[in-house]
């Protein structure tokens, strides 16, 4: 089983700057760094899409991604409360008959 090679944030940013600031083509920069041109292209897209928040590293979440687990927990809690209220409504309806 092959392990996936991991690159530091600084390496990725330096590779991106070769293309964007120094005028190298993606294939030239990738060849000189010993990486695939498609990987470099993906890094460039991630960097442009993330507005400077790209390559956070393992365990470091953007604010949007950190909010997702909180929203899921809130959704789970509301569903549970809704089920409790449904059961209580049925119980009260039986008592009034």
PDB file of N, CA and C in Angstrom:
ATOM      1  N   UNK A   1       0.839  -1.174   0.000  1.00  0.00           N
ATOM      2  CA  UNK A   1       0.000   0.000   0.000  1.00  0.00           C
ATOM      3  C   UNK A   1       0.888   1.244   0.000  1.00  0.00           C
ATOM      4  N   UNK A   2       0.638   2.125  -0.935  1.00  0.00           N
ATOM      5  CA  UNK A   2       1.451   3.335  -1.019  1.00  0.00           C
ATOM      6  C   UNK A   2       0.851   4.429  -0.152  1.00  0.00           C
ATOM      7  N   UNK A   3       1.726   5.188   0.451  1.00  0.00           N
ATOM      8  CA  UNK A   3       1.250   6.306   1.258  1.00  0.00           C
ATOM      9  C   UNK A   3       1.233   7.554   0.395  1.00  0.00           C
ATOM     10  N   UNK A   4       0.288   8.383   0.654  1.00  0.00           N
ATOM     11  CA  UNK A   4       0.122   9.614  -0.100  1.00  0.00           C
ATOM     12  C   UNK A   4       1.121  10.650   0.383  1.00  0.00           C
ATOM     13  N   UNK A   5       1.807  11.269  -0.532  1.00  0.00           N
ATOM     14  CA  UNK A   5       2.797  12.269  -0.162  1.00  0.00           C
ATOM     15  C   UNK A   5       2.090  13.551   0.260  1.00  0.00           C
ATOM     16  N   UNK A   6       2.530  14.119   1.369  1.00  0.00           N
ATOM     17  CA  UNK A   6       1.930  15.338   1.878  1.00  0.00           C
ATOM     18  C   UNK A   6       2.930  16.481   1.743  1.00  0.00           C
ATOM     19  N   UNK A   7       2.404  17.622   1.350  1.00  0.00           N
ATOM     20  CA  UNK A   7       3.239  18.802   1.148  1.00  0.00           C
ATOM     21  C   UNK A   7       2.825  19.872   2.148  1.00  0.00           C
ATOM     22  N   UNK A   8       3.775  20.639   2.594  1.00  0.00           N
ATOM     23  CA  UNK A   8       3.490  21.696   3.565  1.00  0.00           C
ATOM     24  C   UNK A   8       2.745  22.848   2.880  1.00  0.00           C
ATOM     25  N   UNK A   9       2.124  23.655   3.712  1.00  0.00           N
ATOM     26  CA  UNK A   9       1.406  24.831   3.209  1.00  0.00           C
ATOM     27  C   UNK A   9       2.378  25.766   2.499  1.00  0.00           C
ATOM     28  N   UNK A  10       3.558  25.931   3.041  1.00  0.00           N
ATOM     29  CA  UNK A  10       4.551  26.825   2.446  1.00  0.00           C
ATOM     30  C   UNK A  10       4.978  26.333   1.063  1.00  0.00           C
ATOM     31  N   UNK A  11       5.162  25.006   0.937  1.00  0.00           N
ATOM     32  CA  UNK A  11       5.537  24.437  -0.357  1.00  0.00           C
ATOM     33  C   UNK A  11       4.456  24.717  -1.393  1.00  0.00           C
ATOM     34  N   UNK A  12       3.203  24.505  -0.997  1.00  0.00           N
ATOM     35  CA  UNK A  12       2.089  24.728  -1.929  1.00  0.00           C
ATOM     36  C   UNK A  12       2.007  26.192  -2.338  1.00  0.00           C
ATOM     37  N   UNK A  13       2.156  27.099  -1.371  1.00  0.00           N
ATOM     38  CA  UNK A  13       2.078  28.522  -1.687  1.00  0.00           C
ATOM     39  C   UNK A  13       3.243  28.963  -2.568  1.00  0.00           C
ATOM     40  N   UNK A  14       4.421  28.396  -2.329  1.00  0.00           N
ATOM     41  CA  UNK A  14       5.569  28.702  -3.189  1.00  0.00           C
ATOM     42  C   UNK A  14       5.341  28.195  -4.608  1.00  0.00           C
ATOM     43  N   UNK A  15       4.765  27.021  -4.726  1.00  0.00           N
ATOM     44  CA  UNK A  15       4.476  26.457  -6.047  1.00  0.00           C
ATOM     45  C   UNK A  15       3.455  27.318  -6.786  1.00  0.00           C
ATOM     46  N   UNK A  16       2.461  27.795  -6.071  1.00  0.00           N
ATOM     47  CA  UNK A  16       1.438  28.657  -6.675  1.00  0.00           C
ATOM     48  C   UNK A  16       2.065  29.978  -7.121  1.00  0.00           C
ATOM     49  N   UNK A  17       2.962  30.520  -6.300  1.00  0.00           N
ATOM     50  CA  UNK A  17       3.579  31.799  -6.658  1.00  0.00           C
ATOM     51  C   UNK A  17       4.467  31.670  -7.895  1.00  0.00           C
ATOM     52  N   UNK A  18       5.047  30.498  -8.133  1.00  0.00           N
ATOM     53  CA  UNK A  18       5.816  30.301  -9.365  1.00  0.00           C
ATOM     54  C   UNK A  18       4.945  30.553 -10.594  1.00  0.00           C
ATOM     55  N   UNK A  19       3.715  30.085 -10.527  1.00  0.00           N
ATOM     56  CA  UNK A  19       2.809  30.223 -11.671  1.00  0.00           C
ATOM     57  C   UNK A  19       2.211  31.623 -11.730  1.00  0.00           C
ATOM     58  N   UNK A  20       1.696  32.095 -10.596  1.00  0.00           N
ATOM     59  CA  UNK A  20       0.951  33.351 -10.605  1.00  0.00           C
ATOM     60  C   UNK A  20       1.838  34.591 -10.608  1.00  0.00           C
ATOM     61  N   UNK A  21       2.960  34.552  -9.940  1.00  0.00           N
ATOM     62  CA  UNK A  21       3.768  35.757  -9.797  1.00  0.00           C
ATOM     63  C   UNK A  21       5.025  35.753 -10.663  1.00  0.00           C
ATOM     64  N   UNK A  22       5.577  34.589 -10.900  1.00  0.00           N
ATOM     65  CA  UNK A  22       6.834  34.536 -11.625  1.00  0.00           C
ATOM     66  C   UNK A  22       6.667  34.133 -13.087  1.00  0.00           C
ATOM     67  N   UNK A  23       5.448  33.831 -13.505  1.00  0.00           N
ATOM     68  CA  UNK A  23       5.177  33.618 -14.915  1.00  0.00           C
ATOM     69  C   UNK A  23       5.494  32.245 -15.477  1.00  0.00           C
ATOM     70  N   UNK A  24       5.769  31.283 -14.627  1.00  0.00           N
ATOM     71  CA  UNK A  24       5.982  29.928 -15.118  1.00  0.00           C
ATOM     72  C   UNK A  24       4.641  29.318 -15.534  1.00  0.00           C
ATOM     73  N   UNK A  25       4.681  28.400 -16.491  1.00  0.00           N
ATOM     74  CA  UNK A  25       3.456  27.664 -16.809  1.00  0.00           C
ATOM     75  C   UNK A  25       3.281  26.589 -15.742  1.00  0.00           C
ATOM     76  N   UNK A  26       2.057  26.059 -15.650  1.00  0.00           N
ATOM     77  CA  UNK A  26       1.801  25.018 -14.653  1.00  0.00           C
ATOM     78  C   UNK A  26       2.709  23.816 -14.881  1.00  0.00           C
ATOM     79  N   UNK A  27       2.853  23.425 -16.124  1.00  0.00           N
ATOM     80  CA  UNK A  27       3.655  22.227 -16.406  1.00  0.00           C
ATOM     81  C   UNK A  27       5.133  22.467 -16.099  1.00  0.00           C
ATOM     82  N   UNK A  28       5.650  23.660 -16.400  1.00  0.00           N
ATOM     83  CA  UNK A  28       7.057  23.964 -16.094  1.00  0.00           C
ATOM     84  C   UNK A  28       7.306  23.957 -14.586  1.00  0.00           C
ATOM     85  N   UNK A  29       6.424  24.616 -13.860  1.00  0.00           N
ATOM     86  CA  UNK A  29       6.586  24.689 -12.410  1.00  0.00           C
ATOM     87  C   UNK A  29       6.460  23.307 -11.789  1.00  0.00           C
ATOM     88  N   UNK A  30       5.479  22.545 -12.252  1.00  0.00           N
ATOM     89  CA  UNK A  30       5.276  21.206 -11.694  1.00  0.00           C
ATOM     90  C   UNK A  30       6.480  20.312 -11.980  1.00  0.00           C
ATOM     91  N   UNK A  31       6.994  20.380 -13.174  1.00  0.00           N
ATOM     92  CA  UNK A  31       8.145  19.565 -13.553  1.00  0.00           C
ATOM     93  C   UNK A  31       9.359  19.919 -12.694  1.00  0.00           C
ATOM     94  N   UNK A  32       9.600  21.213 -12.486  1.00  0.00           N
ATOM     95  CA  UNK A  32      10.765  21.624 -11.700  1.00  0.00           C
ATOM     96  C   UNK A  32      10.620  21.245 -10.221  1.00  0.00           C
ATOM     97  N   UNK A  33       9.374  21.153  -9.731  1.00  0.00           N
ATOM     98  CA  UNK A  33       9.147  20.792  -8.332  1.00  0.00           C
ATOM     99  C   UNK A  33       8.982  19.289  -8.130  1.00  0.00           C
ATOM    100  N   UNK A  34       8.841  18.547  -9.226  1.00  0.00           N
ATOM    101  CA  UNK A  34       8.678  17.106  -9.118  1.00  0.00           C
ATOM    102  C   UNK A  34       7.282  16.671  -8.717  1.00  0.00           C
ATOM    103  N   UNK A  35       6.289  17.451  -9.118  1.00  0.00           N
ATOM    104  CA  UNK A  35       4.893  17.098  -8.838  1.00  0.00           C
ATOM    105  C   UNK A  35       4.123  17.056 -10.144  1.00  0.00           C
ATOM    106  N   UNK A  36       2.922  16.529 -10.087  1.00  0.00           N
ATOM    107  CA  UNK A  36       2.065  16.447 -11.256  1.00  0.00           C
ATOM    108  C   UNK A  36       1.441  17.817 -11.529  1.00  0.00           C
ATOM    109  N   UNK A  37       1.302  18.163 -12.803  1.00  0.00           N
ATOM    110  CA  UNK A  37       0.713  19.455 -13.171  1.00  0.00           C
ATOM    111  C   UNK A  37      -0.743  19.553 -12.729  1.00  0.00           C
ATOM    112  N   UNK A  38      -1.444  18.416 -12.717  1.00  0.00           N
ATOM    113  CA  UNK A  38      -2.839  18.430 -12.268  1.00  0.00           C
ATOM    114  C   UNK A  38      -2.937  18.762 -10.780  1.00  0.00           C
ATOM    115  N   UNK A  39      -1.983  18.287 -10.003  1.00  0.00           N
ATOM    116  CA  UNK A  39      -1.958  18.597  -8.570  1.00  0.00           C
ATOM    117  C   UNK A  39      -1.742  20.088  -8.369  1.00  0.00           C
ATOM    118  N   UNK A  40      -0.805  20.637  -9.098  1.00  0.00           N
ATOM    119  CA  UNK A  40      -0.540  22.076  -8.999  1.00  0.00           C
ATOM    120  C   UNK A  40      -1.768  22.878  -9.424  1.00  0.00           C
ATOM    121  N   UNK A  41      -2.434  22.448 -10.472  1.00  0.00           N
ATOM    122  CA  UNK A  41      -3.654  23.124 -10.913  1.00  0.00           C
ATOM    123  C   UNK A  41      -4.735  23.087  -9.848  1.00  0.00           C
ATOM    124  N   UNK A  42      -4.856  21.943  -9.161  1.00  0.00           N
ATOM    125  CA  UNK A  42      -5.854  21.828  -8.091  1.00  0.00           C
ATOM    126  C   UNK A  42      -5.499  22.751  -6.930  1.00  0.00           C
ATOM    127  N   UNK A  43      -4.210  22.856  -6.597  1.00  0.00           N
ATOM    128  CA  UNK A  43      -3.785  23.761  -5.529  1.00  0.00           C
ATOM    129  C   UNK A  43      -4.123  25.205  -5.871  1.00  0.00           C
ATOM    130  N   UNK A  44      -3.916  25.576  -7.125  1.00  0.00           N
ATOM    131  CA  UNK A  44      -4.214  26.949  -7.561  1.00  0.00           C
ATOM    132  C   UNK A  44      -5.707  27.226  -7.435  1.00  0.00           C
ATOM    133  N   UNK A  45      -6.534  26.278  -7.861  1.00  0.00           N
ATOM    134  CA  UNK A  45      -7.994  26.457  -7.750  1.00  0.00           C
ATOM    135  C   UNK A  45      -8.422  26.566  -6.298  1.00  0.00           C
ATOM    136  N   UNK A  46      -7.886  25.709  -5.432  1.00  0.00           N
ATOM    137  CA  UNK A  46      -8.228  25.759  -4.011  1.00  0.00           C
ATOM    138  C   UNK A  46      -7.825  27.095  -3.397  1.00  0.00           C
ATOM    139  N   UNK A  47      -6.655  27.572  -3.770  1.00  0.00           N
ATOM    140  CA  UNK A  47      -6.160  28.840  -3.225  1.00  0.00           C
ATOM    141  C   UNK A  47      -7.034  30.004  -3.669  1.00  0.00           C
ATOM    142  N   UNK A  48      -7.436  30.016  -4.926  1.00  0.00           N
ATOM    143  CA  UNK A  48      -8.281  31.099  -5.436  1.00  0.00           C
ATOM    144  C   UNK A  48      -9.680  31.034  -4.839  1.00  0.00           C
ATOM    145  N   UNK A  49     -10.211  29.827  -4.648  1.00  0.00           N
ATOM    146  CA  UNK A  49     -11.574  29.674  -4.132  1.00  0.00           C
ATOM    147  C   UNK A  49     -11.665  29.956  -2.640  1.00  0.00           C
ATOM    148  N   UNK A  50     -10.586  29.765  -1.901  1.00  0.00           N
ATOM    149  CA  UNK A  50     -10.635  29.873  -0.444  1.00  0.00           C
ATOM    150  C   UNK A  50     -10.305  31.262   0.084  1.00  0.00           C
ATOM    151  N   UNK A  51      -9.996  32.210  -0.766  1.00  0.00           N
ATOM    152  CA  UNK A  51      -9.692  33.578  -0.331  1.00  0.00           C
ATOM    153  C   UNK A  51      -8.639  33.622   0.776  1.00  0.00           C
ATOM    154  N   UNK A  52      -7.534  32.942   0.562  1.00  0.00           N
ATOM    155  CA  UNK A  52      -6.455  32.954   1.529  1.00  0.00           C
ATOM    156  C   UNK A  52      -6.605  31.976   2.675  1.00  0.00           C
ATOM    157  N   UNK A  53      -7.689  31.213   2.719  1.00  0.00           N
ATOM    158  CA  UNK A  53      -7.910  30.244   3.790  1.00  0.00           C
ATOM    159  C   UNK A  53      -7.588  28.822   3.348  1.00  0.00           C
ATOM    160  N   UNK A  54      -6.937  28.659   2.211  1.00  0.00           N
ATOM    161  CA  UNK A  54      -6.630  27.327   1.703  1.00  0.00           C
ATOM    162  C   UNK A  54      -5.502  26.694   2.504  1.00  0.00           C
ATOM    163  N   UNK A  55      -5.460  25.387   2.470  1.00  0.00           N
ATOM    164  CA  UNK A  55      -4.387  24.594   3.072  1.00  0.00           C
ATOM    165  C   UNK A  55      -4.306  24.819   4.578  1.00  0.00           C
ATOM    166  N   UNK A  56      -5.415  24.699   5.262  1.00  0.00           N
ATOM    167  CA  UNK A  56      -5.460  24.913   6.704  1.00  0.00           C
ATOM    168  C   UNK A  56      -4.746  23.815   7.475  1.00  0.00           C
ATOM    169  N   UNK A  57      -4.703  22.624   6.939  1.00  0.00           N
ATOM    170  CA  UNK A  57      -4.072  21.517   7.645  1.00  0.00           C
ATOM    171  C   UNK A  57      -5.107  20.643   8.311  1.00  0.00           C
ATOM    172  N   UNK A  58      -4.651  19.522   8.824  1.00  0.00           N
ATOM    173  CA  UNK A  58      -5.560  18.570   9.462  1.00  0.00           C
ATOM    174  C   UNK A  58      -6.086  19.128  10.769  1.00  0.00           C
ATOM    175  N   UNK A  59      -7.389  19.035  10.944  1.00  0.00           N
ATOM    176  CA  UNK A  59      -8.008  19.457  12.181  1.00  0.00           C
ATOM    177  C   UNK A  59      -8.316  20.926  12.283  1.00  0.00           C
ATOM    178  N   UNK A  60      -7.855  21.731  11.355  1.00  0.00           N
ATOM    179  CA  UNK A  60      -8.134  23.161  11.388  1.00  0.00           C
ATOM    180  C   UNK A  60      -9.240  23.434  10.379  1.00  0.00           C
ATOM    181  N   UNK A  61     -10.366  23.900  10.868  1.00  0.00           N
ATOM    182  CA  UNK A  61     -11.530  24.090  10.016  1.00  0.00           C
ATOM    183  C   UNK A  61     -11.780  25.563   9.739  1.00  0.00           C
ATOM    184  N   UNK A  62     -12.317  25.819   8.558  1.00  0.00           N
ATOM    185  CA  UNK A  62     -12.771  27.163   8.259  1.00  0.00           C
ATOM    186  C   UNK A  62     -14.027  27.414   9.091  1.00  0.00           C
ATOM    187  N   UNK A  63     -14.396  28.652   9.307  1.00  0.00           N
ATOM    188  CA  UNK A  63     -15.596  28.920  10.119  1.00  0.00           C
ATOM    189  C   UNK A  63     -16.853  28.237   9.564  1.00  0.00           C
ATOM    190  N   UNK A  64     -16.974  28.170   8.243  1.00  0.00           N
ATOM    191  CA  UNK A  64     -18.144  27.532   7.650  1.00  0.00           C
ATOM    192  C   UNK A  64     -18.170  26.038   7.946  1.00  0.00           C
ATOM    193  N   UNK A  65     -17.011  25.401   7.846  1.00  0.00           N
ATOM    194  CA  UNK A  65     -16.944  23.965   8.102  1.00  0.00           C
ATOM    195  C   UNK A  65     -17.086  23.651   9.584  1.00  0.00           C
ATOM    196  N   UNK A  66     -16.659  24.551  10.441  1.00  0.00           N
ATOM    197  CA  UNK A  66     -16.810  24.352  11.884  1.00  0.00           C
ATOM    198  C   UNK A  66     -18.268  24.483  12.297  1.00  0.00           C
ATOM    199  N   UNK A  67     -19.042  25.244  11.551  1.00  0.00           N
ATOM    200  CA  UNK A  67     -20.445  25.462  11.878  1.00  0.00           C
ATOM    201  C   UNK A  67     -21.310  24.250  11.552  1.00  0.00           C
ATOM    202  N   UNK A  68     -20.895  23.434  10.600  1.00  0.00           N
ATOM    203  CA  UNK A  68     -21.697  22.293  10.151  1.00  0.00           C
ATOM    204  C   UNK A  68     -22.011  21.320  11.290  1.00  0.00           C
ATOM    205  N   UNK A  69     -21.044  20.871  12.094  1.00  0.00           N
ATOM    206  CA  UNK A  69     -21.394  19.958  13.190  1.00  0.00           C
ATOM    207  C   UNK A  69     -22.363  20.582  14.203  1.00  0.00           C
ATOM    208  N   UNK A  70     -22.221  21.874  14.449  1.00  0.00           N
ATOM    209  CA  UNK A  70     -23.142  22.546  15.367  1.00  0.00           C
ATOM    210  C   UNK A  70     -24.554  22.544  14.805  1.00  0.00           C
ATOM    211  N   UNK A  71     -24.672  22.809  13.514  1.00  0.00           N
ATOM    212  CA  UNK A  71     -25.991  22.819  12.891  1.00  0.00           C
ATOM    213  C   UNK A  71     -26.615  21.423  12.876  1.00  0.00           C
ATOM    214  N   UNK A  72     -25.791  20.406  12.642  1.00  0.00           N
ATOM    215  CA  UNK A  72     -26.307  19.030  12.654  1.00  0.00           C
ATOM    216  C   UNK A  72     -26.799  18.648  14.045  1.00  0.00           C
ATOM    217  N   UNK A  73     -26.052  19.035  15.079  1.00  0.00           N
ATOM    218  CA  UNK A  73     -26.474  18.736  16.446  1.00  0.00           C
ATOM    219  C   UNK A  73     -27.779  19.457  16.779  1.00  0.00           C
ATOM    220  N   UNK A  74     -27.888  20.712  16.368  1.00  0.00           N
ATOM    221  CA  UNK A  74     -29.130  21.454  16.598  1.00  0.00           C
ATOM    222  C   UNK A  74     -30.297  20.835  15.860  1.00  0.00           C
ATOM    223  N   UNK A  75     -30.064  20.389  14.654  1.00  0.00           N
ATOM    224  CA  UNK A  75     -31.113  19.736  13.869  1.00  0.00           C
ATOM    225  C   UNK A  75     -31.556  18.436  14.539  1.00  0.00           C
ATOM    226  N   UNK A  76     -30.592  17.641  15.021  1.00  0.00           N
ATOM    227  CA  UNK A  76     -30.908  16.395  15.701  1.00  0.00           C
ATOM    228  C   UNK A  76     -31.749  16.658  16.956  1.00  0.00           C
ATOM    229  N   UNK A  77     -31.356  17.681  17.719  1.00  0.00           N
ATOM    230  CA  UNK A  77     -32.079  18.025  18.940  1.00  0.00           C
ATOM    231  C   UNK A  77     -33.507  18.471  18.638  1.00  0.00           C
ATOM    232  N   UNK A  78     -33.665  19.293  17.604  1.00  0.00           N
ATOM    233  CA  UNK A  78     -35.014  19.763  17.250  1.00  0.00           C
ATOM    234  C   UNK A  78     -35.913  18.627  16.777  1.00  0.00           C
ATOM    235  N   UNK A  79     -35.350  17.692  16.029  1.00  0.00           N
ATOM    236  CA  UNK A  79     -36.133  16.529  15.597  1.00  0.00           C
ATOM    237  C   UNK A  79     -36.589  15.707  16.799  1.00  0.00           C
ATOM    238  N   UNK A  80     -35.690  15.522  17.772  1.00  0.00           N
ATOM    239  CA  UNK A  80     -36.024  14.765  18.972  1.00  0.00           C
ATOM    240  C   UNK A  80     -37.128  15.483  19.756  1.00  0.00           C
ATOM    241  N   UNK A  81     -37.000  16.791  19.896  1.00  0.00           N
ATOM    242  CA  UNK A  81     -38.022  17.550  20.609  1.00  0.00           C
ATOM    243  C   UNK A  81     -39.361  17.479  19.892  1.00  0.00           C
ATOM    244  N   UNK A  82     -39.335  17.519  18.572  1.00  0.00           N
ATOM    245  CA  UNK A  82     -40.555  17.417  17.781  1.00  0.00           C
ATOM    246  C   UNK A  82     -41.240  16.073  18.006  1.00  0.00           C
ATOM    247  N   UNK A  83     -40.462  14.986  18.058  1.00  0.00           N
ATOM    248  CA  UNK A  83     -41.028  13.661  18.312  1.00  0.00           C
ATOM    249  C   UNK A  83     -41.659  13.594  19.698  1.00  0.00           C
ATOM    250  N   UNK A  84     -40.998  14.198  20.677  1.00  0.00           N
ATOM    251  CA  UNK A  84     -41.545  14.214  22.040  1.00  0.00           C
ATOM    252  C   UNK A  84     -42.875  14.957  22.062  1.00  0.00           C
ATOM    253  N   UNK A  85     -42.948  16.085  21.388  1.00  0.00           N
ATOM    254  CA  UNK A  85     -44.191  16.859  21.351  1.00  0.00           C
ATOM    255  C   UNK A  85     -45.304  16.099  20.641  1.00  0.00           C
ATOM    256  N   UNK A  86     -44.984  15.365  19.594  1.00  0.00           N
ATOM    257  CA  UNK A  86     -45.992  14.560  18.895  1.00  0.00           C
ATOM    258  C   UNK A  86     -46.565  13.499  19.829  1.00  0.00           C
ATOM    259  N   UNK A  87     -45.668  12.831  20.564  1.00  0.00           N
ATOM    260  CA  UNK A  87     -46.121  11.790  21.492  1.00  0.00           C
ATOM    261  C   UNK A  87     -46.947  12.389  22.615  1.00  0.00           C
ATOM    262  N   UNK A  88     -46.561  13.570  23.102  1.00  0.00           N
ATOM    263  CA  UNK A  88     -47.322  14.227  24.165  1.00  0.00           C
ATOM    264  C   UNK A  88     -48.705  14.633  23.662  1.00  0.00           C
ATOM    265  N   UNK A  89     -48.789  15.097  22.420  1.00  0.00           N
ATOM    266  CA  UNK A  89     -50.076  15.487  21.849  1.00  0.00           C
ATOM    267  C   UNK A  89     -51.001  14.284  21.768  1.00  0.00           C
ATOM    268  N   UNK A  90     -50.497  13.147  21.334  1.00  0.00           N
ATOM    269  CA  UNK A  90     -51.303  11.926  21.251  1.00  0.00           C
ATOM    270  C   UNK A  90     -51.751  11.514  22.642  1.00  0.00           C
ATOM    271  N   UNK A  91     -50.857  11.612  23.622  1.00  0.00           N
ATOM    272  CA  UNK A  91     -51.195  11.233  25.002  1.00  0.00           C
ATOM    273  C   UNK A  91     -52.281  12.134  25.564  1.00  0.00           C
ATOM    274  N   UNK A  92     -52.165  13.443  25.373  1.00  0.00           N
ATOM    275  CA  UNK A  92     -53.185  14.366  25.885  1.00  0.00           C
ATOM    276  C   UNK A  92     -54.520  14.183  25.164  1.00  0.00           C
ATOM    277  N   UNK A  93     -54.467  13.862  23.899  1.00  0.00           N
ATOM    278  CA  UNK A  93     -55.700  13.652  23.148  1.00  0.00           C
ATOM    279  C   UNK A  93     -56.440  12.426  23.667  1.00  0.00           C
ATOM    280  N   UNK A  94     -55.715  11.390  24.074  1.00  0.00           N
ATOM    281  CA  UNK A  94     -56.349  10.178  24.628  1.00  0.00           C
ATOM    282  C   UNK A  94     -56.966  10.465  25.990  1.00  0.00           C
ATOM    283  N   UNK A  95     -56.316  11.311  26.803  1.00  0.00           N
ATOM    284  CA  UNK A  95     -56.818  11.627  28.126  1.00  0.00           C
ATOM    285  C   UNK A  95     -58.115  12.420  28.094  1.00  0.00           C
ATOM    286  N   UNK A  96     -58.298  13.261  27.108  1.00  0.00           N
ATOM    287  CA  UNK A  96     -59.482  14.121  27.040  1.00  0.00           C
ATOM    288  C   UNK A  96     -60.702  13.370  26.535  1.00  0.00           C
ATOM    289  N   UNK A  97     -60.544  12.189  26.030  1.00  0.00           N
ATOM    290  CA  UNK A  97     -61.716  11.431  25.517  1.00  0.00           C
ATOM    291  C   UNK A  97     -62.471  10.770  26.595  1.00  0.00           C
TER     292      UNK A  97
END
